[in-house]
Amino acid sequence: MGWLKRLFGLEKPQNAQVNPAPQAVPQAATANATPTATQPIPPERIGLNGEYDQSGLAKRVALAFDQDQQLDDVDTLWVAQTGGTVVLKGKVPSQDILNKMVSVARSVNGASTVDTTQVQIG
């Protein structure tokens, strides 16, 4: 089972990308904005296909883990996010695997930092 399936119950969507181009989000009409105005999606909220997704960064990191041949699904580790911070929680078999995961997570657009304070090694 892959990361996306285990963490989010998702099969990999067609055309899913780790760093997709963001889609425009319609903005509510106000006195100062026309109904067709759009606002940019914050990088940490971009989903797998460029859509707005509250957990977009975590899902894209999970997808990046799935796409890396060196990272098997470590079923004792979870990926979450707090704003632009990727939060890894749980247990990994070695420091080398954790280092690789941090490197992959940092490469995802919108990831400002990676928090590993809740990860145990061994």
Foldseek 3Di string as FASTA:
>chain_A
DALCCLAPVDDQDPPFALAEAADWAQDPDDPPDDRRDTDTAQQCQQARHRYGHPFRLQNSLSVLLRVDPVRDPPNQWGWGDDFLEIEIAGEDAAPVNVVVSQVSSVVGGSRPHYDDPRYYYD
